[in-house]
Amino acid sequence: MARAAAAPGPPRVLAGVGAPGREGPLRIGAVARLVGVRASALRVWERAGLVRPGRDAATGYRVYGPEQVRDVRVVCELRRGGYGLERIAPVMEELRASGGGGGDALQGVLRRREEELAGRSRALAAGVARLQDYVDAAGGARG
């Protein structure tokens, strides 16, 4: 009696990077799908020095190991947070120099972003208060 093909098990994960179904280096398309960006974005980030994929010796294709995928994830999150490439570059340099531990540059960027958002929130609240004063004054002048 022939055995039915076994159902696929849970996806295997590339050490620490959450790459379903793969072990070993990933190609650019797989990494792009993994983080939800286009491959062209990864190429731009590479030209800017933010990510540094290796190259397959036989094909010349870009390949991303665990550290490169980590770098892609960090860049992706910082871009989603509104950071420009020029602000991300020193963060990535520090991250690589620290061995991936986060580093002062990443902490500094996050602290500055938090301060920037707090400042924006204060400015918006002050603007709303001034607008309310204006509306109240304009309404009182008519009555």
C-alpha atoms as a PDB file:
ATOM      1  CA  MET A   1       0.000   0.000   0.000  1.00  0.00           C
ATOM      2  CA  ALA A   2       1.439   3.377  -1.000  1.00  0.00           C
ATOM      3  CA  ARG A   3       1.874   6.017   1.644  1.00  0.00           C
ATOM      4  CA  ALA A   4       0.377   9.415   1.129  1.00  0.00           C
ATOM      5  CA  ALA A   5       2.804  12.296   1.010  1.00  0.00           C
ATOM      6  CA  ALA A   6       3.319  13.734   4.449  1.00  0.00           C
ATOM      7  CA  ALA A   7       1.825  17.116   5.103  1.00  0.00           C
ATOM      8  CA  PRO A   8       4.456  19.792   5.327  1.00  0.00           C
ATOM      9  CA  GLY A   9       5.518  20.522   8.876  1.00  0.00           C
ATOM     10  CA  PRO A  10       5.988  23.922  10.421  1.00  0.00           C
ATOM     11  CA  PRO A  11       8.359  26.164   8.509  1.00  0.00           C
ATOM     12  CA  ARG A  12      11.994  25.975   9.497  1.00  0.00           C
ATOM     13  CA  VAL A  13      13.503  29.257  10.553  1.00  0.00           C
ATOM     14  CA  LEU A  14      16.851  30.763   9.592  1.00  0.00           C
ATOM     15  CA  ALA A  15      18.747  31.201  12.841  1.00  0.00           C
ATOM     16  CA  GLY A  16      17.172  34.117  14.618  1.00  0.00           C
ATOM     17  CA  VAL A  17      15.793  35.958  11.593  1.00  0.00           C
ATOM     18  CA  GLY A  18      12.338  34.518  11.070  1.00  0.00           C
ATOM     19  CA  ALA A  19      12.794  33.370   7.498  1.00  0.00           C
ATOM     20  CA  PRO A  20      10.111  30.728   7.000  1.00  0.00           C
ATOM     21  CA  GLY A  21      10.964  27.654   5.008  1.00  0.00           C
ATOM     22  CA  ARG A  22      14.642  28.373   4.475  1.00  0.00           C
ATOM     23  CA  GLU A  23      17.959  27.572   6.021  1.00  0.00           C
ATOM     24  CA  GLY A  24      21.040  29.356   4.853  1.00  0.00           C
ATOM     25  CA  PRO A  25      21.290  32.610   2.949  1.00  0.00           C
ATOM     26  CA  LEU A  26      18.200  34.145   1.377  1.00  0.00           C
ATOM     27  CA  ARG A  27      18.007  35.874  -1.983  1.00  0.00           C
ATOM     28  CA  ILE A  28      16.789  39.439  -2.323  1.00  0.00           C
ATOM     29  CA  GLY A  29      13.220  38.534  -3.297  1.00  0.00           C
ATOM     30  CA  ALA A  30      12.770  36.299  -0.260  1.00  0.00           C
ATOM     31  CA  VAL A  31      14.093  39.000   2.070  1.00  0.00           C
ATOM     32  CA  ALA A  32      11.871  41.620   0.451  1.00  0.00           C
ATOM     33  CA  ARG A  33       8.796  39.419   0.985  1.00  0.00           C
ATOM     34  CA  LEU A  34       9.890  38.645   4.547  1.00  0.00           C
ATOM     35  CA  VAL A  35       9.913  42.308   5.588  1.00  0.00           C
ATOM     36  CA  GLY A  36       7.209  43.579   3.237  1.00  0.00           C
ATOM     37  CA  VAL A  37       9.176  45.852   0.919  1.00  0.00           C
ATOM     38  CA  ARG A  38      10.117  45.725  -2.740  1.00  0.00           C
ATOM     39  CA  ALA A  39      13.430  44.286  -3.853  1.00  0.00           C
ATOM     40  CA  SER A  40      14.177  47.659  -5.432  1.00  0.00           C
ATOM     41  CA  ALA A  41      14.078  49.224  -1.945  1.00  0.00           C
ATOM     42  CA  LEU A  42      16.713  46.754  -0.780  1.00  0.00           C
ATOM     43  CA  ARG A  43      18.893  47.711  -3.753  1.00  0.00           C
ATOM     44  CA  VAL A  44      18.548  51.408  -2.854  1.00  0.00           C
ATOM     45  CA  TRP A  45      19.452  50.645   0.752  1.00  0.00           C
ATOM     46  CA  GLU A  46      22.456  48.659  -0.450  1.00  0.00           C
ATOM     47  CA  ARG A  47      23.666  51.571  -2.635  1.00  0.00           C
ATOM     48  CA  ALA A  48      23.295  53.837   0.401  1.00  0.00           C
ATOM     49  CA  GLY A  49      25.446  51.443   2.441  1.00  0.00           C
ATOM     50  CA  LEU A  50      22.648  50.585   4.870  1.00  0.00           C
ATOM     51  CA  VAL A  51      22.571  46.878   4.051  1.00  0.00           C
ATOM     52  CA  ARG A  52      25.470  44.797   2.830  1.00  0.00           C
ATOM     53  CA  PRO A  53      24.377  41.502   1.323  1.00  0.00           C
ATOM     54  CA  GLY A  54      26.908  38.949   0.245  1.00  0.00           C
ATOM     55  CA  ARG A  55      27.121  37.522  -3.257  1.00  0.00           C
ATOM     56  CA  ASP A  56      26.668  33.948  -4.356  1.00  0.00           C
ATOM     57  CA  ALA A  57      30.002  32.925  -5.875  1.00  0.00           C
ATOM     58  CA  ALA A  58      28.392  30.877  -8.647  1.00  0.00           C
ATOM     59  CA  THR A  59      25.578  33.192  -9.694  1.00  0.00           C
ATOM     60  CA  GLY A  60      26.526  36.626  -8.388  1.00  0.00           C
ATOM     61  CA  TYR A  61      23.060  36.955  -6.815  1.00  0.00           C
ATOM     62  CA  ARG A  62      22.715  38.909  -3.601  1.00  0.00           C
ATOM     63  CA  VAL A  63      22.404  36.669  -0.552  1.00  0.00           C
ATOM     64  CA  TYR A  64      21.376  37.667   2.941  1.00  0.00           C
ATOM     65  CA  GLY A  65      22.468  35.775   6.039  1.00  0.00           C
ATOM     66  CA  PRO A  66      21.090  36.316   9.553  1.00  0.00           C
ATOM     67  CA  GLU A  67      23.042  39.533  10.195  1.00  0.00           C
ATOM     68  CA  GLN A  68      22.073  41.056   6.860  1.00  0.00           C
ATOM     69  CA  VAL A  69      18.410  40.177   7.445  1.00  0.00           C
ATOM     70  CA  ARG A  70      18.654  41.801  10.881  1.00  0.00           C
ATOM     71  CA  ASP A  71      20.059  44.937   9.213  1.00  0.00           C
ATOM     72  CA  VAL A  72      17.214  44.925   6.683  1.00  0.00           C
ATOM     73  CA  ARG A  73      14.669  44.662   9.502  1.00  0.00           C
ATOM     74  CA  VAL A  74      16.241  47.602  11.374  1.00  0.00           C
ATOM     75  CA  VAL A  75      16.376  49.773   8.245  1.00  0.00           C
ATOM     76  CA  CYS A  76      12.813  48.824   7.377  1.00  0.00           C
ATOM     77  CA  GLU A  77      11.509  49.829  10.805  1.00  0.00           C
ATOM     78  CA  LEU A  78      13.437  53.095  10.822  1.00  0.00           C
ATOM     79  CA  ARG A  79      12.141  53.940   7.334  1.00  0.00           C
ATOM     80  CA  ARG A  80       8.592  53.175   8.485  1.00  0.00           C
ATOM     81  CA  GLY A  81       9.262  55.543  11.379  1.00  0.00           C
ATOM     82  CA  GLY A  82      10.015  58.331   8.928  1.00  0.00           C
ATOM     83  CA  TYR A  83      13.805  58.358   9.025  1.00  0.00           C
ATOM     84  CA  GLY A  84      15.744  59.340   5.934  1.00  0.00           C
ATOM     85  CA  LEU A  85      18.595  57.216   4.620  1.00  0.00           C
ATOM     86  CA  GLU A  86      21.183  59.756   5.777  1.00  0.00           C
ATOM     87  CA  ARG A  87      19.926  59.493   9.371  1.00  0.00           C
ATOM     88  CA  ILE A  88      19.898  55.701   9.266  1.00  0.00           C
ATOM     89  CA  ALA A  89      23.490  55.304   8.032  1.00  0.00           C
ATOM     90  CA  PRO A  90      25.238  56.124  11.342  1.00  0.00           C
ATOM     91  CA  VAL A  91      22.815  53.887  13.212  1.00  0.00           C
ATOM     92  CA  MET A  92      23.675  50.964  10.975  1.00  0.00           C
ATOM     93  CA  GLU A  93      27.407  51.613  11.306  1.00  0.00           C
ATOM     94  CA  GLU A  94      27.127  51.591  15.090  1.00  0.00           C
ATOM     95  CA  LEU A  95      24.908  48.508  15.037  1.00  0.00           C
ATOM     96  CA  ARG A  96      27.489  46.615  12.996  1.00  0.00           C
ATOM     97  CA  ALA A  97      30.380  47.881  15.136  1.00  0.00           C
ATOM     98  CA  SER A  98      28.614  46.794  18.328  1.00  0.00           C
ATOM     99  CA  GLY A  99      28.025  43.320  16.979  1.00  0.00           C
ATOM    100  CA  GLY A 100      24.286  43.835  16.692  1.00  0.00           C
ATOM    101  CA  GLY A 101      23.665  44.808  20.298  1.00  0.00           C
ATOM    102  CA  GLY A 102      21.859  48.040  19.488  1.00  0.00           C
ATOM    103  CA  GLY A 103      24.545  50.548  20.275  1.00  0.00           C
ATOM    104  CA  ASP A 104      24.418  54.156  21.344  1.00  0.00           C
ATOM    105  CA  ALA A 105      23.517  55.404  17.861  1.00  0.00           C
ATOM    106  CA  LEU A 106      20.310  53.382  17.783  1.00  0.00           C
ATOM    107  CA  GLN A 107      19.430  54.446  21.330  1.00  0.00           C
ATOM    108  CA  GLY A 108      20.163  58.063  20.412  1.00  0.00           C
ATOM    109  CA  VAL A 109      17.958  57.921  17.334  1.00  0.00           C
ATOM    110  CA  LEU A 110      15.106  56.447  19.309  1.00  0.00           C
ATOM    111  CA  ARG A 111      15.516  59.025  22.089  1.00  0.00           C
ATOM    112  CA  ARG A 112      15.594  61.929  19.577  1.00  0.00           C
ATOM    113  CA  ARG A 113      12.509  60.554  17.832  1.00  0.00           C
ATOM    114  CA  GLU A 114      10.656  60.331  21.126  1.00  0.00           C
ATOM    115  CA  GLU A 115      11.635  63.940  21.941  1.00  0.00           C
ATOM    116  CA  GLU A 116      10.588  65.056  18.454  1.00  0.00           C
ATOM    117  CA  LEU A 117       7.187  63.397  18.792  1.00  0.00           C
ATOM    118  CA  ALA A 118       6.683  64.877  22.258  1.00  0.00           C
ATOM    119  CA  GLY A 119       7.549  68.324  20.870  1.00  0.00           C
ATOM    120  CA  ARG A 120       5.100  67.897  18.002  1.00  0.00           C
ATOM    121  CA  SER A 121       2.395  66.824  20.428  1.00  0.00           C
ATOM    122  CA  ARG A 122       2.977  69.910  22.581  1.00  0.00           C
ATOM    123  CA  ALA A 123       2.917  72.164  19.487  1.00  0.00           C
ATOM    124  CA  LEU A 124      -0.333  70.584  18.268  1.00  0.00           C
ATOM    125  CA  ALA A 125      -1.965  70.993  21.673  1.00  0.00           C
ATOM    126  CA  ALA A 126      -0.895  74.639  21.820  1.00  0.00           C
ATOM    127  CA  GLY A 127      -2.209  75.190  18.288  1.00  0.00           C
ATOM    128  CA  VAL A 128      -5.565  73.660  19.167  1.00  0.00           C
ATOM    129  CA  ALA A 129      -5.782  75.893  22.245  1.00  0.00           C
ATOM    130  CA  ARG A 130      -5.029  79.009  20.161  1.00  0.00           C
ATOM    131  CA  LEU A 131      -7.600  77.968  17.558  1.00  0.00           C
ATOM    132  CA  GLN A 132     -10.190  77.435  20.272  1.00  0.00           C
ATOM    133  CA  ASP A 133      -9.416  80.902  21.694  1.00  0.00           C
ATOM    134  CA  TYR A 134      -9.858  82.372  18.207  1.00  0.00           C
ATOM    135  CA  VAL A 135     -13.161  80.574  17.644  1.00  0.00           C
ATOM    136  CA  ASP A 136     -14.421  81.629  21.069  1.00  0.00           C
ATOM    137  CA  ALA A 137     -13.427  85.277  20.434  1.00  0.00           C
ATOM    138  CA  ALA A 138     -14.942  85.287  16.942  1.00  0.00           C
ATOM    139  CA  GLY A 139     -18.180  83.780  18.236  1.00  0.00           C
ATOM    140  CA  GLY A 140     -18.397  86.318  21.050  1.00  0.00           C
ATOM    141  CA  ALA A 141     -17.831  89.246  18.672  1.00  0.00           C
ATOM    142  CA  ARG A 142     -20.879  88.227  16.586  1.00  0.00           C
ATOM    143  CA  GLY A 143     -23.266  87.789  19.481  1.00  0.00           C
END
